[in-house]
């Protein structure tokens, strides 16, 4: 009688070991991909917050640098006109964290990506030195501070009397 000894197949043990190794590698890849996506989202939020902070800083500086504070404390801003508010109240922030100049949105809705909001916004005006001091923070949905700005703007236009 001839014995059947065909060595061309895999044993059950070899097959189970292969399946376990493949499962381990695929779980490592899944965990790594999840960590990479989370890291990407955090880095994008930080980048977008820095971009929003820079955009607001530049735009606010441009408006305040060339504005004129009238004797009755109203403010004339080029491209906008007269704003019926004290110099430290011409910029406001609504409940959703968007900046307003007078009664109009200062930046479009697309300037605030991924739920970013402006918080703790303040403008102070020193009328003797004609300097505006502006400070604000950019926060995300969870109220985590991602960026902040604190700067001064020297008014170029003379006050009218």
Protein backbone atom coordinates (compact mmCIF):
# COMPACT_ATOMS: atom_id res chain seq x y z
CA UNK A 1 0.00 0.00 0.00
CA UNK A 2 1.22 3.45 -0.95
CA UNK A 3 1.14 6.29 1.62
CA UNK A 4 -0.27 9.64 0.61
CA UNK A 5 2.24 12.29 1.57
CA UNK A 6 1.47 15.31 -0.53
CA UNK A 7 3.44 18.29 0.84
CA UNK A 8 1.85 20.90 -1.45
CA UNK A 9 -0.83 22.21 1.01
CA UNK A 10 -0.91 24.21 4.25
CA UNK A 11 -1.72 22.79 7.61
CA UNK A 12 -4.48 24.27 9.74
CA UNK A 13 -1.90 25.64 12.19
CA UNK A 14 0.01 27.44 9.44
CA UNK A 15 -3.20 28.92 8.08
CA UNK A 16 -4.30 30.19 11.55
CA UNK A 17 -0.88 31.78 12.17
CA UNK A 18 -1.06 33.55 8.81
CA UNK A 19 -4.55 34.88 9.51
CA UNK A 20 -3.49 36.12 12.97
CA UNK A 21 -0.42 37.90 11.55
CA UNK A 22 -2.53 39.57 8.82
CA UNK A 23 -5.09 40.70 11.41
CA UNK A 24 -2.36 42.19 13.61
CA UNK A 25 -0.85 44.11 10.70
CA UNK A 26 -4.24 45.40 9.54
CA UNK A 27 -5.13 46.58 13.07
CA UNK A 28 -1.80 48.42 13.29
CA UNK A 29 -2.49 50.09 9.96
CA UNK A 30 -6.01 51.09 11.06
CA UNK A 31 -4.74 52.60 14.33
CA UNK A 32 -1.93 54.41 12.49
CA UNK A 33 -4.32 55.81 9.91
CA UNK A 34 -6.69 57.02 12.65
CA UNK A 35 -3.81 58.75 14.44
CA UNK A 36 -2.66 60.32 11.17
CA UNK A 37 -6.14 61.68 10.41
CA UNK A 38 -6.47 63.10 13.93
CA UNK A 39 -3.04 64.73 13.66
CA UNK A 40 -3.95 66.17 10.25
CA UNK A 41 -7.18 67.67 11.59
CA UNK A 42 -5.41 69.26 14.56
CA UNK A 43 -2.71 70.70 12.34
CA UNK A 44 -5.31 72.05 9.86
CA UNK A 45 -7.30 73.69 12.67
CA UNK A 46 -4.13 75.34 14.01
CA UNK A 47 -3.20 76.52 10.53
CA UNK A 48 -6.68 77.90 9.82
CA UNK A 49 -6.73 79.67 13.20
CA UNK A 50 -3.37 81.30 12.45
CA UNK A 51 -4.64 82.34 9.02
CA UNK A 52 -7.84 83.84 10.49
CA UNK A 53 -5.81 85.64 13.14
CA UNK A 54 -3.46 87.08 10.52
CA UNK A 55 -6.33 88.09 8.23
CA UNK A 56 -8.19 89.86 11.05
CA UNK A 57 -5.03 91.58 12.24
CA UNK A 58 -4.24 92.94 8.78
CA UNK A 59 -7.81 93.95 7.94
CA UNK A 60 -8.48 95.63 11.30
CA UNK A 61 -5.13 97.43 11.14
CA UNK A 62 -5.93 98.77 7.67
CA UNK A 63 -9.35 100.08 8.71
CA UNK A 64 -8.13 101.68 11.96
CA UNK A 65 -4.96 103.19 10.50
CA UNK A 66 -6.87 105.30 7.99
CA UNK A 67 -9.99 106.11 10.02
CA UNK A 68 -10.89 109.56 11.29
CA UNK A 69 -12.30 110.11 14.77
CA UNK A 70 -14.67 113.05 14.73
CA UNK A 71 -15.13 115.55 17.58
CA UNK A 72 -18.48 113.96 18.52
CA UNK A 73 -16.68 110.57 18.88
CA UNK A 74 -18.17 109.11 15.70
CA UNK A 75 -15.72 107.39 13.41
CA UNK A 76 -15.33 107.76 9.65
CA UNK A 77 -13.82 104.68 8.00
CA UNK A 78 -12.77 104.70 4.37
CA UNK A 79 -14.90 102.38 2.27
CA UNK A 80 -17.52 102.13 5.02
CA UNK A 81 -18.52 105.67 5.94
CA UNK A 82 -19.55 106.98 9.34
CA UNK A 83 -19.98 104.45 12.12
CA UNK A 84 -22.25 105.72 14.86
CA UNK A 85 -20.23 104.34 17.75
CA UNK A 86 -17.37 105.31 20.00
CA UNK A 87 -13.91 104.39 18.63
CA UNK A 88 -13.64 101.43 20.98
CA UNK A 89 -17.09 100.10 19.93
CA UNK A 90 -16.88 100.19 16.13
CA UNK A 91 -15.89 96.51 16.01
CA UNK A 92 -18.14 94.00 17.75
CA UNK A 93 -18.39 90.20 17.88
CA UNK A 94 -21.73 88.38 17.62
CA UNK A 95 -22.73 85.19 19.45
CA UNK A 96 -21.31 82.93 16.73
CA UNK A 97 -17.89 84.57 17.05
CA UNK A 98 -17.91 86.65 13.86
CA UNK A 99 -16.53 90.19 13.80
CA UNK A 100 -18.78 93.08 12.73
CA UNK A 101 -17.77 96.58 11.67
CA UNK A 102 -20.66 98.75 12.68
CA UNK A 103 -23.72 96.73 11.64
CA UNK A 104 -22.06 94.84 8.76
CA UNK A 105 -20.05 91.62 8.79
CA UNK A 106 -16.38 92.46 8.62
CA UNK A 107 -15.31 89.19 6.96
CA UNK A 108 -17.38 86.66 5.03
CA UNK A 109 -18.65 83.43 6.55
CA UNK A 110 -15.94 81.42 4.77
CA UNK A 111 -13.27 83.25 6.75
CA UNK A 112 -14.32 81.22 9.81
CA UNK A 113 -13.67 77.57 8.83
CA UNK A 114 -14.20 74.48 10.95
CA UNK A 115 -16.20 76.28 13.63
CA UNK A 116 -13.50 78.81 14.53
CA UNK A 117 -14.71 81.81 16.56
CA UNK A 118 -13.33 85.12 17.72
CA UNK A 119 -13.50 85.48 21.49
CA UNK A 120 -12.40 88.05 24.08
CA UNK A 121 -12.34 90.81 21.47
CA UNK A 122 -11.51 94.31 22.66
CA UNK A 123 -10.49 97.62 21.13
CA UNK A 124 -9.20 100.50 23.23
CA UNK A 125 -8.53 103.96 21.86
CA UNK A 126 -6.02 106.41 23.34
CA UNK A 127 -7.11 109.77 21.93
CA UNK A 128 -4.04 111.69 23.10
CA UNK A 129 -1.62 109.40 21.24
CA UNK A 130 -4.19 108.41 18.58
CA UNK A 131 -3.41 104.72 19.06
CA UNK A 132 -5.81 101.78 18.96
CA UNK A 133 -4.96 98.68 21.01
CA UNK A 134 -6.69 95.55 19.73
CA UNK A 135 -6.69 92.09 21.24
CA UNK A 136 -8.62 88.92 20.54
CA UNK A 137 -8.39 85.14 20.61
CA UNK A 138 -9.35 82.50 18.07
CA UNK A 139 -11.03 79.47 19.63
CA UNK A 140 -12.51 76.24 18.29
CA UNK A 141 -15.82 74.54 19.07
CA UNK A 142 -14.52 73.21 22.37
CA UNK A 143 -13.33 76.68 23.44
CA UNK A 144 -9.67 75.71 23.02
CA UNK A 145 -7.51 78.74 22.30
CA UNK A 146 -5.72 78.17 18.99
CA UNK A 147 -4.35 81.66 18.28
CA UNK A 148 -4.34 85.15 19.74
CA UNK A 149 -3.41 88.65 18.70
CA UNK A 150 -2.49 91.73 20.67
CA UNK A 151 -1.38 94.71 18.60
CA UNK A 152 -1.44 98.49 18.37
CA UNK A 153 -2.39 100.63 15.41
CA UNK A 154 -1.28 104.23 15.09
CA UNK A 155 -3.95 106.38 13.46
CA UNK A 156 -2.58 108.27 10.45
CA UNK A 157 -5.45 110.63 9.63
CA UNK A 158 -5.81 113.75 11.76
CA UNK A 159 -8.82 114.28 13.99
CA UNK A 160 -11.33 116.81 12.74
CA UNK A 161 -12.52 119.54 15.03
